[in-house]
Protein backbone atom coordinates (compact mmCIF):
# COMPACT_ATOMS: atom_id res chain seq x y z
CA MET A 1 34.41 77.39 82.56
CA GLU A 2 34.40 80.84 81.10
CA SER A 3 34.01 82.48 84.50
CA SER A 4 37.31 81.03 85.79
CA LEU A 5 39.33 82.63 82.99
CA PRO A 6 39.00 86.26 84.20
CA GLN A 7 39.91 85.17 87.73
CA GLN A 8 43.15 83.65 86.49
CA LYS A 9 44.00 86.86 84.66
CA ASP A 10 43.31 88.89 87.79
CA ARG A 11 45.63 86.66 89.81
CA ALA A 12 48.35 86.70 87.18
CA ARG A 13 48.71 90.50 87.11
CA PRO A 14 49.91 91.00 90.74
CA ARG A 15 52.15 87.94 90.46
CA ARG A 16 53.69 89.30 87.26
CA GLN A 17 54.23 92.71 88.88
CA LEU A 18 55.88 91.06 91.88
CA ILE A 19 58.22 89.08 89.63
CA ILE A 20 59.14 92.22 87.68
CA PHE A 21 59.79 94.09 90.93
CA PHE A 22 62.13 91.38 92.21
CA LEU A 23 63.92 91.19 88.87
CA ILE A 24 64.56 94.94 88.88
CA TYR A 25 65.64 94.84 92.52
CA GLY A 26 67.94 91.90 91.79
CA VAL A 27 69.55 93.69 88.85
CA ILE A 28 70.21 96.76 91.00
CA VAL A 29 71.73 94.71 93.83
CA ALA A 30 73.82 92.65 91.41
CA GLY A 31 75.03 95.84 89.71
CA LEU A 32 76.07 97.40 93.00
CA LEU A 33 77.86 94.25 94.11
CA GLY A 34 79.59 94.04 90.74
CA TYR A 35 80.63 97.66 90.93
CA LEU A 36 82.08 97.16 94.42
CA ALA A 37 83.89 94.02 93.24
CA VAL A 38 85.44 95.80 90.26
CA PHE A 39 86.26 99.07 92.05
CA PRO A 40 87.09 98.17 95.68
CA ASP A 41 89.23 101.31 96.11
CA HIS A 42 86.16 103.53 96.16
CA ILE A 43 85.03 102.08 99.47
CA THR A 44 88.13 102.74 101.56
CA HIS A 45 89.85 105.32 99.39
CA GLU A 46 90.89 108.34 101.45
CA THR A 47 91.21 111.69 99.81
CA ALA A 48 94.59 113.37 99.48
CA LEU A 49 93.53 115.97 102.03
CA GLU A 50 92.78 113.30 104.65
CA THR A 51 96.12 111.55 104.16
CA THR A 52 98.35 114.65 104.08
CA GLY A 53 96.58 116.67 106.76
CA SER A 54 94.61 119.84 106.53
CA ALA A 55 95.37 122.53 103.99
CA THR A 56 95.74 125.20 106.67
CA ALA A 57 98.78 123.45 108.11
CA THR A 58 100.80 124.03 104.94
CA LYS A 59 99.29 127.17 103.49
CA PRO A 60 97.36 130.02 105.11
CA GLY A 61 93.72 130.20 104.29
CA ARG A 62 92.35 132.78 101.93
CA TYR A 63 90.71 134.73 104.73
CA GLU A 64 94.07 135.14 106.47
CA ALA A 65 95.54 136.67 103.33
CA VAL A 66 92.58 139.04 103.07
CA ILE A 67 93.07 140.13 106.68
CA ALA A 68 96.79 140.67 106.09
CA ASN A 69 96.09 142.78 102.99
CA TRP A 70 93.48 144.80 104.84
CA ASN A 71 95.87 145.48 107.73
CA ARG A 72 98.56 146.55 105.29
CA TYR A 73 96.12 148.89 103.53
CA ARG A 74 94.90 150.37 106.82
CA GLY A 75 98.52 150.83 107.97
CA LYS A 76 99.39 152.79 104.83
CA GLU A 77 96.29 154.92 105.28
CA ALA A 78 97.13 155.63 108.93
CA ARG A 79 100.72 156.60 108.04
CA ALA A 80 99.46 158.90 105.28
CA GLU A 81 97.11 160.67 107.71
CA ALA A 82 99.88 161.05 110.31
CA ARG A 83 102.07 163.01 107.88
């Protein structure tokens, strides 16, 4: 009789670990489903940039302003050398 007791403990450990694993997995899945049920806008929510178009259509990019400033600076320099 005493020899069967350690065997039952050895069998119980993997079963207990498996139950704990499924409980943790179930809590994670239930949390994600609950989050998606409470906040459904986060799934299909488009950003303001996607709905209004690209930013370059309304305002020049920063690099374009840098190029314009550089051309203006070089133009002043060229005019100063020509004098």
